[in-house]
Amino acid sequence: MKAKGLPFEPYRIKMVEPIRKTTKRERQEILKQAGYNVFAIPAEKVTIDLLTDSGTGAMSDAQWAAIMRGDESYAGARSFYRLEGAVRRIFGFRHVIPTHQGRAAERIVFEALVKKGDYVPNNIHFDTTMANILVRGAHPVNLVVDQAYDPRAEMAFKGNMAPEKLEAFLQRYRNRVPLVMLTVTNNSGGGQPVSLANIRAISSICRRFQVPFFFDACRFAENAFFIKEREPGYQKKSILQIVREMFSLADGALVSAKKDGLANIGGFITLHDDDLATRLKHILIIGEGFPTYGGLAGRDLEAIAQGLEEVLDESYLRHRIEQVRYLGSLLEGAGIPIFRPIGGHAVYLLADEFLPHLPREQYPAWALTVALYEAAGVRAVEVGGVMFARQRGRGKKEIFPRLEMVRLAIPRRVYTASHLEYVAEAVINLYKKRDRIRGLKIIEAQEPLRHFTARFELL
C-alpha cells in the first residue's frame, strides 16, 4: 500500500519517540489483566494508539517555545491575557474562561444552567456531554438529521441538526430547555461536519424561542475546512473568516483545547453574556481555580494560545483531513465496512457489519477493539453499546444506540502514512478472520461513563 495522493506533511519532524512492539502472547495477558478494557492498557504497551485525538497531538516548536514564556502568577498572569486575546480574535466573544479540559467546561456551564427535568438538545451528544447532563437529572436529546444514522448515506454535512426537529421540540418543551448545543464536528455520528446554512437556521430558531445557543467546538477548525471545501460561496474565504462567521451566530462555546487547540491539556468557555460569565467564574473558582488560570499552568495557556493560531493554517488542515481520508480509502478499498463519508478526525468501522455473528448484547464494537489490540497492538475506541446504551425499566434492559462503531481517531501531527498503512493492514487481516472474534459480557461497571472503567469477560 502506498500513500498515493496524500499531501506531504506540512512540517518537519525534529523530535521522535520510540515505539515498542509487543508479542501477541504479551498482549493477550495484558488484555486479561486489563479486564478486556483497552482504556486500562498501559500506553507503552500500545504500538499505534488511535484511542483518541484528544490531547494526544504533537506540539510545534513555537508551542514549546511559548511554554518557556509561561507566567505562573496565580492571578492575572500575562499568559492568560495572551490566551484571551487569541480566543477573542478567533471566536469573537467577550468573555474567556479557561478550564482544565472540555468536560470541566461542560460541568461548569451545566451546573449554572441545567436543573433536574430539563432537556438539552444537540445534534448528537458525546459521552462526557451526555454524562454531565444525566448526573444533573436532566435529559440529553439528539436531534441530528435522519441521514446521520445511515452509515452509507452520502451527504456533505451529515452532522447537521434537523431544524424541523428542533422547532417542534422547542414548541413543546421551551420552558424546560436552558440551552441548545451543536457539536462541530459531530463526533458521535462519524466525525461529520455541520454547514453554515444549518448553523444559521439553528441560530434563527434559538433566537426566536429566546434560548441560548452554544457550540461544543473542540474541532471547530476541521469543521470550517469542510465548509470551505463543500459549501457553495465559501471556497475563497479563509478558515478564520469562516470560523468568525460560525461563531457570530451563537451565544457562546465550550471548547476542549486538546483537539483543535493542538495542546495536550486545557479548554475554555467563551461567551458574550456578562451575568452568565460572572456565575460561571464563581463556579470555576470553587472547583477549578482562579478565572485567569482555570486549573491550568501558565505554560498550558501559552501552548493553547499558540495552537489556536496554528490550527487555522489551511495547509495543515488539508493534510489533516486527507490523512484521515487516506486511512479510510485503504480500508474501503479492501471491503471493510466504514461510516461514509469519511469524517474529519477519525475513521469509523461499522462493527455490527464487521462482526455480524455477534448480537448487540455481546458488544460487537467493544469486541472489535479487543481483537484489534490483540492482533496488532492497535488501540481504538468503541462508540456503540457500551458507551451509549441506556438502561430502562425494572429489569435494567439495555436500549442500544442506532450506531455500533469503532473509532480510529488519528492524533494530530503524530503518525505518518506508513503508520496508517500498518493500521489498515491490521484491520484488513482481522476482517479475514472475523468469524473467530468472540463477544464479551460486562462483569463490573459504574454509571455513567462506564466504558472508561468497566471490566469484561470473553464469552
Protein backbone atom coordinates (compact mmCIF):
# COMPACT_ATOMS: atom_id res chain seq x y z
CA MET A 1 0.00 0.00 0.00
CA LYS A 2 1.34 3.41 -0.98
CA ALA A 3 0.44 6.92 0.16
CA LYS A 4 -0.91 7.81 -3.28
CA GLY A 5 -2.46 11.27 -3.42
CA LEU A 6 -1.74 12.02 0.24
CA PRO A 7 -0.19 15.51 0.59
CA PHE A 8 3.22 15.55 2.23
CA GLU A 9 3.30 16.67 5.85
CA PRO A 10 3.42 20.49 6.03
CA TYR A 11 6.01 20.28 8.81
CA ARG A 12 9.39 18.71 9.60
CA ILE A 13 9.81 16.25 12.45
CA LYS A 14 12.55 17.30 14.88
CA MET A 15 11.85 15.06 17.86
CA VAL A 16 10.90 11.37 17.90
CA GLU A 17 9.56 8.90 20.43
CA PRO A 18 10.36 5.19 20.07
CA ILE A 19 7.55 2.71 19.58
CA ARG A 20 7.89 -0.53 21.50
CA LYS A 21 6.32 -3.61 19.96
CA THR A 22 4.81 -6.46 21.94
CA THR A 23 4.13 -10.08 21.11
CA LYS A 24 0.64 -11.46 20.70
CA ARG A 25 1.11 -13.56 23.83
CA GLU A 26 2.07 -10.44 25.80
CA ARG A 27 -0.99 -8.61 24.51
CA GLN A 28 -3.27 -11.47 25.47
CA GLU A 29 -2.00 -11.31 29.03
CA ILE A 30 -2.25 -7.50 29.07
CA LEU A 31 -5.88 -7.69 27.94
CA LYS A 32 -6.68 -10.23 30.64
CA GLN A 33 -5.12 -8.04 33.32
CA ALA A 34 -7.00 -5.01 31.94
CA GLY A 35 -10.36 -6.76 32.14
CA TYR A 36 -10.55 -6.58 28.32
CA ASN A 37 -10.84 -2.81 28.51
CA VAL A 38 -8.37 -1.00 26.25
CA PHE A 39 -8.57 2.11 28.46
CA ALA A 40 -6.75 0.09 31.14
CA ILE A 41 -3.80 -0.86 28.90
CA PRO A 42 -0.52 0.96 29.67
CA ALA A 43 0.28 3.25 26.74
CA GLU A 44 3.82 1.87 26.43
CA LYS A 45 2.24 -1.48 25.54
CA VAL A 46 0.42 0.04 22.54
CA THR A 47 2.00 0.02 19.08
CA ILE A 48 -0.27 2.53 17.30
CA ASP A 49 -2.59 4.48 19.60
CA LEU A 50 -5.83 5.61 17.96
CA LEU A 51 -7.85 5.61 21.19
CA THR A 52 -8.45 9.36 20.93
CA ASP A 53 -7.31 12.53 19.22
CA SER A 54 -7.83 14.43 22.50
CA GLY A 55 -4.59 15.77 23.95
CA THR A 56 -2.52 13.23 22.01
CA GLY A 57 -1.19 15.52 19.28
CA ALA A 58 2.39 16.67 18.77
CA MET A 59 3.02 20.31 19.66
CA SER A 60 5.06 22.59 17.42
CA ASP A 61 8.42 24.22 18.12
CA ALA A 62 6.54 27.51 18.54
CA GLN A 63 4.29 25.93 21.18
CA TRP A 64 7.27 24.52 23.09
CA ALA A 65 8.92 27.93 22.91
CA ALA A 66 5.72 29.53 24.22
CA ILE A 67 5.74 27.11 27.15
CA MET A 68 9.03 28.62 28.27
CA ARG A 69 7.31 32.02 28.42
CA GLY A 70 4.58 30.75 30.72
CA ASP A 71 3.74 33.16 33.53
CA GLU A 72 2.85 31.12 36.61
CA SER A 73 1.34 34.00 38.59
CA TYR A 74 -1.77 32.90 40.45
CA ALA A 75 -3.92 35.83 39.31
CA GLY A 76 -3.70 37.98 36.21
CA ALA A 77 -0.82 36.11 34.56
CA ARG A 78 0.23 37.55 31.20
CA SER A 79 -0.25 34.05 29.71
CA PHE A 80 -3.98 34.36 30.38
CA TYR A 81 -4.15 37.64 28.51
CA ARG A 82 -2.39 36.07 25.55
CA LEU A 83 -4.99 33.26 25.51
CA GLU A 84 -7.81 35.76 25.97
CA GLY A 85 -6.57 37.78 23.02
CA ALA A 86 -6.30 34.73 20.75
CA VAL A 87 -9.78 33.47 21.65
CA ARG A 88 -11.37 36.90 21.20
CA ARG A 89 -9.70 37.36 17.82
CA ILE A 90 -10.75 33.94 16.54
CA PHE A 91 -14.13 33.31 18.19
CA GLY A 92 -15.29 36.89 18.71
CA PHE A 93 -16.80 36.56 22.21
CA ARG A 94 -16.08 39.00 25.06
CA HIS A 95 -15.51 36.58 27.92
CA VAL A 96 -12.84 33.86 28.02
CA ILE A 97 -12.89 31.44 30.96
CA PRO A 98 -10.11 28.80 30.96
CA THR A 99 -10.77 25.29 32.29
CA HIS A 100 -8.53 22.26 32.67
CA GLN A 101 -10.29 20.49 29.78
CA GLY A 102 -13.57 20.33 27.86
CA ARG A 103 -15.55 18.27 30.33
CA ALA A 104 -14.81 20.84 33.02
CA ALA A 105 -16.32 23.47 30.73
CA GLU A 106 -19.39 21.24 30.31
CA ARG A 107 -19.73 20.69 34.05
CA ILE A 108 -19.50 24.39 34.86
CA VAL A 109 -21.99 25.51 32.20
CA PHE A 110 -24.47 22.78 33.04
CA GLU A 111 -24.16 23.47 36.76
CA ALA A 112 -25.09 27.09 36.06
CA LEU A 113 -27.91 26.48 33.58
CA VAL A 114 -29.32 22.95 33.81
CA LYS A 115 -31.66 21.68 36.50
CA LYS A 116 -33.43 18.39 37.11
CA GLY A 117 -36.03 17.60 34.47
CA ASP A 118 -34.55 19.92 31.83
CA TYR A 119 -33.83 18.92 28.24
CA VAL A 120 -30.65 19.81 26.34
CA PRO A 121 -30.88 19.35 22.55
CA ASN A 122 -27.78 18.71 20.43
CA ASN A 123 -27.11 17.16 17.03
CA ILE A 124 -25.62 14.17 18.90
CA HIS A 125 -24.15 14.47 22.39
CA PHE A 126 -20.78 12.86 23.01
CA ASP A 127 -20.12 10.75 26.11
CA THR A 128 -18.97 13.32 28.67
CA THR A 129 -21.51 15.90 27.49
CA MET A 130 -24.29 13.38 27.89
CA ALA A 131 -22.98 12.28 31.30
CA ASN A 132 -22.73 15.83 32.63
CA ILE A 133 -26.40 16.31 31.73
CA LEU A 134 -27.53 12.97 33.16
CA VAL A 135 -25.86 13.49 36.54
CA ARG A 136 -27.93 16.65 36.95
CA GLY A 137 -31.14 14.66 36.44
CA ALA A 138 -31.71 16.23 33.02
CA HIS A 139 -32.21 14.70 29.59
CA PRO A 140 -29.76 14.85 26.65
CA VAL A 141 -31.70 14.97 23.38
CA ASN A 142 -30.24 14.15 19.94
CA LEU A 143 -31.86 15.98 17.02
CA VAL A 144 -29.44 15.21 14.19
CA VAL A 145 -30.71 14.79 10.62
CA ASP A 146 -32.04 11.31 9.86
CA GLN A 147 -29.26 10.62 7.34
CA ALA A 148 -26.74 10.62 10.20
CA TYR A 149 -27.95 7.18 11.21
CA ASP A 150 -27.50 5.73 7.73
CA PRO A 151 -23.78 4.88 7.58
CA ARG A 152 -23.79 4.82 3.77
CA ALA A 153 -25.82 7.94 3.05
CA GLU A 154 -23.66 10.39 1.11
CA MET A 155 -24.31 13.87 2.48
CA ALA A 156 -21.89 16.80 2.54
CA PHE A 157 -22.96 17.93 6.02
CA LYS A 158 -24.19 14.81 7.76
CA GLY A 159 -23.61 16.37 11.18
CA ASN A 160 -26.40 18.92 10.72
CA MET A 161 -29.12 19.28 13.31
CA ALA A 162 -32.60 18.94 11.82
CA PRO A 163 -34.22 22.41 12.11
CA GLU A 164 -37.73 21.00 11.93
CA LYS A 165 -36.99 18.64 14.83
CA LEU A 166 -35.61 21.49 16.95
CA GLU A 167 -38.56 23.73 16.14
CA ALA A 168 -41.06 21.05 17.13
CA PHE A 169 -39.11 20.23 20.29
CA LEU A 170 -38.94 23.84 21.43
CA GLN A 171 -42.64 24.36 20.75
CA ARG A 172 -43.33 21.51 23.16
CA TYR A 173 -40.62 21.95 25.79
CA ARG A 174 -39.47 25.58 25.53
CA ASN A 175 -39.72 26.26 29.29
CA ARG A 176 -37.56 23.21 30.07
CA VAL A 177 -34.73 23.88 27.59
CA PRO A 178 -31.97 26.01 29.20
CA LEU A 179 -29.73 25.93 26.10
CA VAL A 180 -29.32 24.33 22.69
CA MET A 181 -25.94 22.85 21.73
CA LEU A 182 -24.36 21.98 18.39
CA THR A 183 -21.29 19.75 18.22
CA VAL A 184 -18.79 20.56 15.44
CA THR A 185 -17.72 18.21 14.03
CA ASN A 186 -20.27 15.63 15.14
CA ASN A 187 -18.05 13.08 16.91
CA SER A 188 -20.69 10.51 17.85
CA GLY A 189 -22.04 10.50 14.30
CA GLY A 190 -18.91 9.65 12.37
CA GLY A 191 -16.99 12.93 12.76
CA GLN A 192 -19.31 14.66 10.31
CA PRO A 193 -19.34 18.44 9.72
CA VAL A 194 -22.14 20.98 10.14
CA SER A 195 -22.84 23.54 7.42
CA LEU A 196 -23.02 27.29 7.92
CA ALA A 197 -26.51 27.23 6.43
CA ASN A 198 -27.54 24.80 9.16
CA ILE A 199 -25.82 26.85 11.87
CA ARG A 200 -27.69 29.89 10.62
CA ALA A 201 -31.02 28.02 10.71
CA ILE A 202 -30.46 26.70 14.24
CA SER A 203 -29.38 30.14 15.41
CA SER A 204 -32.53 31.71 13.99
CA ILE A 205 -34.78 29.19 15.75
CA CYS A 206 -32.97 29.68 19.07
CA ARG A 207 -33.29 33.44 18.82
CA ARG A 208 -36.98 33.19 18.01
CA PHE A 209 -37.58 31.00 21.05
CA GLN A 210 -35.10 33.05 23.15
CA VAL A 211 -32.98 30.01 24.04
CA PRO A 212 -29.19 30.38 24.36
CA PHE A 213 -27.26 28.68 21.55
CA PHE A 214 -23.83 27.18 22.33
CA PHE A 215 -21.30 25.25 20.30
CA ASP A 216 -19.41 22.21 21.53
CA ALA A 217 -16.50 23.39 19.41
CA CYS A 218 -13.44 21.25 20.08
CA ARG A 219 -12.99 20.54 16.33
CA PHE A 220 -14.09 23.95 15.06
CA ALA A 221 -11.25 24.38 12.53
CA GLU A 222 -11.81 20.98 10.93
CA ASN A 223 -15.49 21.88 10.58
CA ALA A 224 -14.52 25.20 8.97
CA PHE A 225 -12.30 23.38 6.48
CA PHE A 226 -15.24 21.21 5.39
CA ILE A 227 -17.34 24.35 4.93
CA LYS A 228 -14.63 25.87 2.74
CA GLU A 229 -14.37 22.65 0.75
CA ARG A 230 -18.06 21.78 0.36
CA GLU A 231 -20.39 24.73 0.96
CA PRO A 232 -21.10 27.00 -2.03
CA GLY A 233 -19.80 30.53 -1.64
CA TYR A 234 -17.02 29.75 0.85
CA GLN A 235 -14.22 28.44 -1.37
CA LYS A 236 -12.43 31.81 -1.47
CA LYS A 237 -12.85 32.60 2.22
CA SER A 238 -10.10 31.97 4.75
CA ILE A 239 -10.53 29.49 7.58
CA LEU A 240 -10.50 32.40 10.04
CA GLN A 241 -13.29 34.19 8.14
CA ILE A 242 -15.41 31.04 8.19
CA VAL A 243 -14.76 30.45 11.90
CA ARG A 244 -15.75 34.02 12.74
CA GLU A 245 -18.97 33.67 10.78
CA MET A 246 -19.78 30.38 12.51
CA PHE A 247 -19.41 31.82 15.99
CA SER A 248 -21.09 35.13 15.19
CA LEU A 249 -24.32 33.13 15.04
CA ALA A 250 -24.03 31.71 18.58
CA ASP A 251 -24.14 32.94 22.18
CA GLY A 252 -21.06 31.05 23.28
CA ALA A 253 -18.94 27.92 23.01
CA LEU A 254 -17.46 25.16 25.13
CA VAL A 255 -14.06 24.13 23.80
CA SER A 256 -11.64 21.34 24.59
CA ALA A 257 -8.27 22.75 23.53
CA LYS A 258 -6.95 19.17 23.36
CA LYS A 259 -8.25 18.78 19.81
CA ASP A 260 -8.10 21.81 17.50
CA GLY A 261 -6.29 23.77 20.20
CA LEU A 262 -3.35 21.46 19.37
CA ALA A 263 -2.47 21.26 23.08
CA ASN A 264 -2.06 18.32 25.44
CA ILE A 265 -4.38 19.74 28.11
CA GLY A 266 -6.82 22.57 28.58
CA GLY A 267 -10.12 24.04 27.49
CA PHE A 268 -12.23 27.14 27.85
CA ILE A 269 -15.70 28.66 27.84
CA THR A 270 -16.24 31.75 25.74
CA LEU A 271 -19.43 33.82 25.59
CA HIS A 272 -20.98 37.31 25.48
CA ASP A 273 -23.42 37.26 28.43
CA ASP A 274 -21.92 39.31 31.30
CA ASP A 275 -24.19 37.95 34.03
CA LEU A 276 -23.72 34.31 32.99
CA ALA A 277 -19.95 34.81 32.74
CA THR A 278 -19.92 36.06 36.34
CA ARG A 279 -21.85 32.98 37.51
CA LEU A 280 -19.55 30.65 35.59
CA LYS A 281 -16.46 32.24 37.11
CA HIS A 282 -17.80 31.75 40.65
CA ILE A 283 -18.44 28.06 39.94
CA LEU A 284 -14.99 27.76 38.37
CA ILE A 285 -13.29 29.22 41.43
CA ILE A 286 -14.79 26.51 43.64
CA GLY A 287 -13.69 23.56 41.54
CA GLU A 288 -11.01 24.65 39.06
CA GLY A 289 -9.09 27.70 40.22
CA PHE A 290 -8.92 31.44 39.73
CA PRO A 291 -10.61 32.68 36.49
CA THR A 292 -7.30 33.67 34.90
CA TYR A 293 -5.85 30.15 35.09
CA GLY A 294 -8.82 27.78 35.47
CA GLY A 295 -6.86 24.77 36.68
CA LEU A 296 -4.05 25.20 34.15
CA ALA A 297 -0.44 26.24 34.43
CA GLY A 298 0.54 29.44 32.66
CA ARG A 299 2.61 27.40 30.21
CA ASP A 300 -0.54 25.48 29.22
CA LEU A 301 -2.33 28.75 28.48
CA GLU A 302 0.58 29.75 26.24
CA ALA A 303 0.53 26.44 24.36
CA ILE A 304 -3.21 26.74 23.72
CA ALA A 305 -2.96 30.35 22.52
CA GLN A 306 -0.26 29.38 20.03
CA GLY A 307 -2.11 26.22 18.97
CA LEU A 308 -5.30 28.14 18.20
CA GLU A 309 -3.32 30.28 15.76
CA GLU A 310 -1.59 27.32 14.12
CA VAL A 311 -4.76 25.28 13.58
CA LEU A 312 -6.10 27.94 11.20
CA ASP A 313 -3.36 27.11 8.70
CA GLU A 314 -5.10 25.70 5.64
CA SER A 315 -2.14 23.55 4.57
CA TYR A 316 -2.15 21.86 7.98
CA LEU A 317 -5.91 21.27 7.86
CA ARG A 318 -5.78 19.91 4.32
CA HIS A 319 -3.13 17.37 5.31
CA ARG A 320 -5.04 16.51 8.47
CA ILE A 321 -8.28 15.77 6.61
CA GLU A 322 -6.52 13.95 3.76
CA GLN A 323 -4.60 11.78 6.21
CA VAL A 324 -7.88 10.54 7.68
CA ARG A 325 -9.29 10.02 4.19
CA TYR A 326 -6.20 8.03 3.23
CA LEU A 327 -6.73 5.53 6.02
CA GLY A 328 -10.41 5.33 5.13
CA SER A 329 -9.65 4.73 1.46
CA LEU A 330 -7.27 1.87 2.29
CA LEU A 331 -9.94 0.18 4.37
CA GLU A 332 -12.79 0.86 1.98
CA GLY A 333 -10.74 -0.44 -0.94
CA ALA A 334 -10.38 -3.75 0.88
CA GLY A 335 -14.11 -4.06 1.51
CA ILE A 336 -14.06 -3.06 5.18
CA PRO A 337 -17.42 -1.58 6.24
CA ILE A 338 -16.86 2.03 7.34
CA PHE A 339 -19.04 5.05 8.02
CA ARG A 340 -19.43 7.26 4.95
CA PRO A 341 -18.43 9.90 4.11
CA ILE A 342 -15.10 9.77 5.90
CA GLY A 343 -15.07 12.34 8.72
CA GLY A 344 -12.60 14.89 9.93
CA HIS A 345 -10.62 13.29 12.74
CA ALA A 346 -11.28 9.57 12.56
CA VAL A 347 -12.35 6.60 10.50
CA TYR A 348 -15.30 4.73 11.99
CA LEU A 349 -15.62 0.97 11.47
CA LEU A 350 -19.17 -0.42 11.33
CA ALA A 351 -18.70 -3.09 13.96
CA ASP A 352 -22.13 -4.70 13.61
CA GLU A 353 -21.39 -5.34 9.90
CA PHE A 354 -17.77 -6.31 10.60
CA LEU A 355 -18.95 -8.90 13.17
CA PRO A 356 -22.48 -9.90 12.08
CA HIS A 357 -22.28 -13.10 14.14
CA LEU A 358 -22.25 -11.13 17.40
CA PRO A 359 -25.57 -9.77 18.77
CA ARG A 360 -25.64 -6.28 20.26
CA GLU A 361 -25.84 -7.81 23.75
CA GLN A 362 -22.30 -9.15 23.19
CA TYR A 363 -20.99 -5.67 22.32
CA PRO A 364 -19.50 -6.22 18.84
CA ALA A 365 -17.75 -2.84 18.70
CA TRP A 366 -16.07 -3.47 22.04
CA ALA A 367 -15.12 -6.96 20.91
CA LEU A 368 -13.53 -5.46 17.81
CA THR A 369 -11.36 -3.06 19.86
CA VAL A 370 -10.14 -6.01 21.94
CA ALA A 371 -9.43 -8.13 18.87
CA LEU A 372 -7.58 -5.31 17.10
CA TYR A 373 -5.29 -4.76 20.06
CA GLU A 374 -4.67 -8.49 20.48
CA ALA A 375 -3.87 -8.94 16.80
CA ALA A 376 -1.66 -5.92 16.15
CA GLY A 377 -1.24 -3.72 19.23
CA VAL A 378 -3.52 -1.06 17.71
CA ARG A 379 -5.72 0.68 20.29
CA ALA A 380 -9.05 2.13 19.13
CA VAL A 381 -12.22 3.12 20.96
CA GLU A 382 -15.76 1.78 20.92
CA VAL A 383 -18.56 4.19 20.06
CA GLY A 384 -21.53 1.93 20.49
CA GLY A 385 -23.44 -0.12 23.03
CA VAL A 386 -21.02 0.05 25.93
CA MET A 387 -20.56 3.81 25.60
CA PHE A 388 -24.14 4.83 24.81
CA ALA A 389 -26.63 2.11 25.78
CA ARG A 390 -29.20 3.30 28.29
CA GLN A 391 -30.75 1.04 30.92
CA ARG A 392 -34.51 1.29 31.33
CA GLY A 393 -37.19 -0.38 33.39
CA ARG A 394 -37.00 -2.54 36.49
CA GLY A 395 -35.08 -5.24 34.69
CA LYS A 396 -32.49 -2.69 33.55
CA LYS A 397 -32.96 -3.69 29.93
CA GLU A 398 -30.37 -2.08 27.70
CA ILE A 399 -31.60 0.17 24.90
CA PHE A 400 -28.81 0.25 22.33
CA PRO A 401 -27.82 3.23 20.19
CA ARG A 402 -28.53 3.07 16.48
CA LEU A 403 -24.85 3.04 15.51
CA GLU A 404 -22.35 0.42 16.66
CA MET A 405 -18.91 1.66 15.66
CA VAL A 406 -15.21 1.54 16.40
CA ARG A 407 -13.44 4.89 16.05
CA LEU A 408 -9.89 5.03 14.75
CA ALA A 409 -9.03 8.55 15.94
CA ILE A 410 -5.82 9.92 14.43
CA PRO A 411 -3.71 12.13 16.72
CA ARG A 412 -2.60 15.41 15.14
CA ARG A 413 0.91 15.63 13.67
CA VAL A 414 1.93 12.28 15.19
CA TYR A 415 1.69 9.44 12.67
CA THR A 416 2.91 9.15 9.08
CA ALA A 417 1.43 7.30 6.09
CA SER A 418 3.38 4.14 6.92
CA HIS A 419 1.82 4.05 10.39
CA LEU A 420 -1.64 4.30 8.85
CA GLU A 421 -0.76 1.55 6.38
CA TYR A 422 0.17 -0.68 9.33
CA VAL A 423 -3.24 0.03 10.87
CA ALA A 424 -5.03 -0.69 7.61
CA GLU A 425 -3.20 -4.00 7.17
CA ALA A 426 -4.08 -4.97 10.75
CA VAL A 427 -7.78 -4.25 10.24
CA ILE A 428 -7.85 -6.00 6.86
CA ASN A 429 -6.13 -9.10 8.23
CA LEU A 430 -8.53 -9.15 11.17
CA TYR A 431 -11.50 -8.88 8.81
CA LYS A 432 -10.38 -12.06 7.05
CA LYS A 433 -10.59 -13.92 10.38
CA ARG A 434 -13.57 -12.03 11.78
CA ASP A 435 -15.67 -15.12 12.46
CA ARG A 436 -13.19 -16.10 15.21
CA ILE A 437 -13.78 -12.93 17.23
CA ARG A 438 -15.72 -13.57 20.44
CA GLY A 439 -18.23 -11.39 22.20
CA LEU A 440 -17.99 -10.16 25.77
CA LYS A 441 -20.10 -9.63 28.84
CA ILE A 442 -19.75 -6.88 31.43
CA ILE A 443 -18.77 -8.14 34.87
CA GLU A 444 -18.16 -4.76 36.52
CA ALA A 445 -19.34 -1.28 35.56
CA GLN A 446 -20.00 2.12 37.07
CA GLU A 447 -22.53 4.51 35.51
CA PRO A 448 -22.33 6.97 33.87
CA LEU A 449 -19.33 6.70 31.53
CA ARG A 450 -18.98 3.02 32.30
CA HIS A 451 -16.72 2.45 29.29
CA PHE A 452 -13.76 4.12 30.99
CA THR A 453 -13.54 1.62 33.85
CA ALA A 454 -15.76 -1.39 33.05
CA ARG A 455 -14.33 -4.91 33.17
CA PHE A 456 -15.34 -7.73 30.85
CA GLU A 457 -15.12 -11.46 30.29
CA LEU A 458 -14.83 -13.18 26.94
CA LEU A 459 -17.80 -15.34 26.01
